[in-house]
N, C-alpha and C. Protein backbone atom coordinates (compact mmCIF):
# COMPACT_ATOMS: atom_id res chain seq x y z
N MET A 1 0.84 -1.17 0.00
CA MET A 1 0.00 0.00 0.00
C MET A 1 0.89 1.24 0.00
N SER A 2 0.56 2.18 -0.85
CA SER A 2 1.36 3.41 -0.88
C SER A 2 0.88 4.37 0.21
N ARG A 3 1.75 5.27 0.59
CA ARG A 3 1.46 6.25 1.63
C ARG A 3 1.65 7.64 1.05
N THR A 4 0.98 8.61 1.65
CA THR A 4 1.13 9.99 1.24
C THR A 4 1.06 10.89 2.48
N SER A 5 1.52 12.10 2.33
CA SER A 5 1.45 13.08 3.41
C SER A 5 0.51 14.20 2.97
N ILE A 6 -0.24 14.72 3.92
CA ILE A 6 -1.15 15.83 3.65
C ILE A 6 -0.79 16.95 4.61
N PRO A 7 -0.19 18.03 4.11
CA PRO A 7 0.17 19.12 5.01
C PRO A 7 -1.06 19.90 5.46
N VAL A 8 -1.17 20.15 6.74
CA VAL A 8 -2.25 20.97 7.31
C VAL A 8 -1.62 21.92 8.32
N ASP A 9 -2.28 23.05 8.53
CA ASP A 9 -1.74 23.98 9.51
C ASP A 9 -2.00 23.48 10.93
N HIS A 10 -1.35 24.09 11.87
CA HIS A 10 -1.40 23.65 13.27
C HIS A 10 -2.82 23.65 13.83
N GLU A 11 -3.59 24.69 13.53
CA GLU A 11 -4.96 24.77 14.04
C GLU A 11 -5.83 23.65 13.48
N THR A 12 -5.65 23.35 12.20
CA THR A 12 -6.42 22.26 11.60
C THR A 12 -6.06 20.94 12.26
N LYS A 13 -4.78 20.70 12.48
CA LYS A 13 -4.34 19.46 13.13
C LYS A 13 -4.94 19.34 14.52
N GLU A 14 -5.00 20.43 15.27
CA GLU A 14 -5.60 20.39 16.61
C GLU A 14 -7.08 20.04 16.54
N ARG A 15 -7.79 20.59 15.55
CA ARG A 15 -9.22 20.27 15.40
C ARG A 15 -9.40 18.80 15.06
N LEU A 16 -8.57 18.31 14.15
CA LEU A 16 -8.67 16.90 13.77
C LEU A 16 -8.33 15.98 14.94
N ASP A 17 -7.34 16.36 15.74
CA ASP A 17 -6.98 15.58 16.92
C ASP A 17 -8.17 15.41 17.86
N ARG A 18 -8.99 16.46 17.99
CA ARG A 18 -10.15 16.40 18.89
C ARG A 18 -11.24 15.48 18.34
N LEU A 19 -11.32 15.33 17.02
CA LEU A 19 -12.33 14.47 16.41
C LEU A 19 -11.92 13.01 16.33
N LYS A 20 -10.62 12.78 16.26
CA LYS A 20 -10.10 11.42 16.10
C LYS A 20 -10.25 10.64 17.41
N LYS A 21 -10.72 9.41 17.28
CA LYS A 21 -10.85 8.53 18.45
C LYS A 21 -9.47 8.04 18.87
N ASP A 22 -9.29 7.84 20.18
CA ASP A 22 -7.99 7.42 20.71
C ASP A 22 -7.51 6.09 20.14
N ASP A 23 -8.43 5.19 19.83
CA ASP A 23 -8.04 3.85 19.41
C ASP A 23 -8.00 3.67 17.89
N GLU A 24 -8.08 4.76 17.11
CA GLU A 24 -8.05 4.60 15.66
C GLU A 24 -6.81 5.27 15.07
N THR A 25 -6.37 4.71 13.95
CA THR A 25 -5.24 5.29 13.23
C THR A 25 -5.74 6.50 12.45
N TRP A 26 -4.80 7.31 11.96
CA TRP A 26 -5.20 8.45 11.14
C TRP A 26 -5.90 7.96 9.87
N ASP A 27 -5.45 6.86 9.30
CA ASP A 27 -6.09 6.32 8.11
C ASP A 27 -7.54 5.92 8.42
N GLU A 28 -7.76 5.26 9.53
CA GLU A 28 -9.11 4.86 9.93
C GLU A 28 -9.99 6.09 10.17
N PHE A 29 -9.42 7.11 10.83
CA PHE A 29 -10.16 8.34 11.08
C PHE A 29 -10.59 9.01 9.77
N LEU A 30 -9.64 9.14 8.84
CA LEU A 30 -9.96 9.80 7.57
C LEU A 30 -10.96 9.01 6.76
N GLU A 31 -10.85 7.69 6.79
CA GLU A 31 -11.81 6.86 6.08
C GLU A 31 -13.20 7.02 6.70
N ARG A 32 -13.27 6.99 8.02
CA ARG A 32 -14.56 7.17 8.72
C ARG A 32 -15.17 8.52 8.38
N THR A 33 -14.36 9.54 8.38
CA THR A 33 -14.84 10.88 8.11
C THR A 33 -15.29 11.02 6.65
N ALA A 34 -14.51 10.47 5.73
CA ALA A 34 -14.83 10.58 4.31
C ALA A 34 -16.07 9.80 3.93
N LEU A 35 -16.31 8.68 4.60
CA LEU A 35 -17.47 7.86 4.27
C LEU A 35 -18.77 8.42 4.82
N SER A 36 -18.69 9.32 5.77
CA SER A 36 -19.85 9.97 6.38
C SER A 36 -20.81 8.99 7.05
N ASP A 37 -20.36 7.78 7.35
CA ASP A 37 -21.21 6.84 8.08
C ASP A 37 -21.45 7.33 9.50
N GLU A 38 -20.49 8.05 10.02
CA GLU A 38 -20.56 8.56 11.38
C GLU A 38 -20.34 10.07 11.29
N PRO A 39 -21.36 10.87 11.57
CA PRO A 39 -21.20 12.32 11.39
C PRO A 39 -20.19 12.92 12.36
N ILE A 40 -19.59 14.01 11.92
CA ILE A 40 -18.70 14.77 12.79
C ILE A 40 -19.55 15.37 13.90
N GLU A 41 -19.01 15.42 15.09
CA GLU A 41 -19.76 15.89 16.24
C GLU A 41 -20.33 17.29 16.03
N LYS A 42 -21.61 17.42 16.31
CA LYS A 42 -22.27 18.72 16.24
C LYS A 42 -21.70 19.61 17.34
N GLY A 43 -21.56 20.88 17.02
CA GLY A 43 -21.05 21.81 18.02
C GLY A 43 -19.55 21.86 18.10
N PHE A 44 -18.89 21.30 17.13
CA PHE A 44 -17.43 21.27 17.13
C PHE A 44 -16.85 22.67 17.07
N LEU A 45 -17.45 23.53 16.26
CA LEU A 45 -16.95 24.89 16.12
C LEU A 45 -17.56 25.82 17.16
N SER A 46 -16.79 26.78 17.56
CA SER A 46 -17.34 27.85 18.40
C SER A 46 -18.26 28.68 17.52
N GLU A 47 -19.05 29.54 18.12
CA GLU A 47 -19.93 30.39 17.33
C GLU A 47 -19.11 31.25 16.37
N GLU A 48 -17.99 31.75 16.86
CA GLU A 48 -17.09 32.55 16.04
C GLU A 48 -16.53 31.73 14.87
N GLY A 49 -16.13 30.50 15.16
CA GLY A 49 -15.61 29.62 14.13
C GLY A 49 -16.67 29.25 13.10
N ALA A 50 -17.90 29.05 13.56
CA ALA A 50 -19.00 28.72 12.65
C ALA A 50 -19.28 29.88 11.71
N GLU A 51 -19.26 31.09 12.23
CA GLU A 51 -19.48 32.27 11.38
C GLU A 51 -18.37 32.40 10.35
N ALA A 52 -17.13 32.15 10.74
CA ALA A 52 -16.01 32.21 9.80
C ALA A 52 -16.17 31.15 8.72
N ALA A 53 -16.61 29.96 9.10
CA ALA A 53 -16.82 28.88 8.13
C ALA A 53 -17.92 29.26 7.14
N LYS A 54 -19.02 29.82 7.65
CA LYS A 54 -20.11 30.26 6.77
C LYS A 54 -19.62 31.31 5.78
N GLU A 55 -18.82 32.23 6.26
CA GLU A 55 -18.29 33.28 5.39
C GLU A 55 -17.38 32.69 4.31
N ASN A 56 -16.56 31.73 4.69
CA ASN A 56 -15.69 31.07 3.70
C ASN A 56 -16.50 30.32 2.66
N ILE A 57 -17.56 29.66 3.09
CA ILE A 57 -18.43 28.95 2.14
C ILE A 57 -19.08 29.94 1.18
N ARG A 58 -19.56 31.06 1.72
CA ARG A 58 -20.18 32.08 0.88
C ARG A 58 -19.20 32.58 -0.18
N LYS A 59 -17.98 32.89 0.24
CA LYS A 59 -16.96 33.39 -0.67
C LYS A 59 -16.62 32.35 -1.74
N THR A 60 -16.54 31.10 -1.33
CA THR A 60 -16.24 30.03 -2.28
C THR A 60 -17.34 29.91 -3.33
N ARG A 61 -18.60 29.96 -2.88
CA ARG A 61 -19.71 29.86 -3.81
C ARG A 61 -19.73 31.02 -4.78
N GLU A 62 -19.41 32.21 -4.30
CA GLU A 62 -19.38 33.38 -5.17
C GLU A 62 -18.28 33.30 -6.21
N SER A 63 -17.20 32.60 -5.89
CA SER A 63 -16.09 32.52 -6.83
C SER A 63 -16.38 31.61 -8.03
N PHE A 64 -17.44 30.79 -7.93
CA PHE A 64 -17.77 29.89 -9.04
C PHE A 64 -18.62 30.61 -10.01
């Protein structure tokens, strides 16, 4: 099996660390997240973070 690296900034890594279960590998975590069989925990973002995410989504949609 081939391996790859995905660079992420420190804040993103901290957020992912909080979502990852203690007993799963990063590959298992990413597979679980990508398959959407198990939703990401509601309330993960602060209100401020949620507003920033909404703004980024809006900007992305406008760019298309």
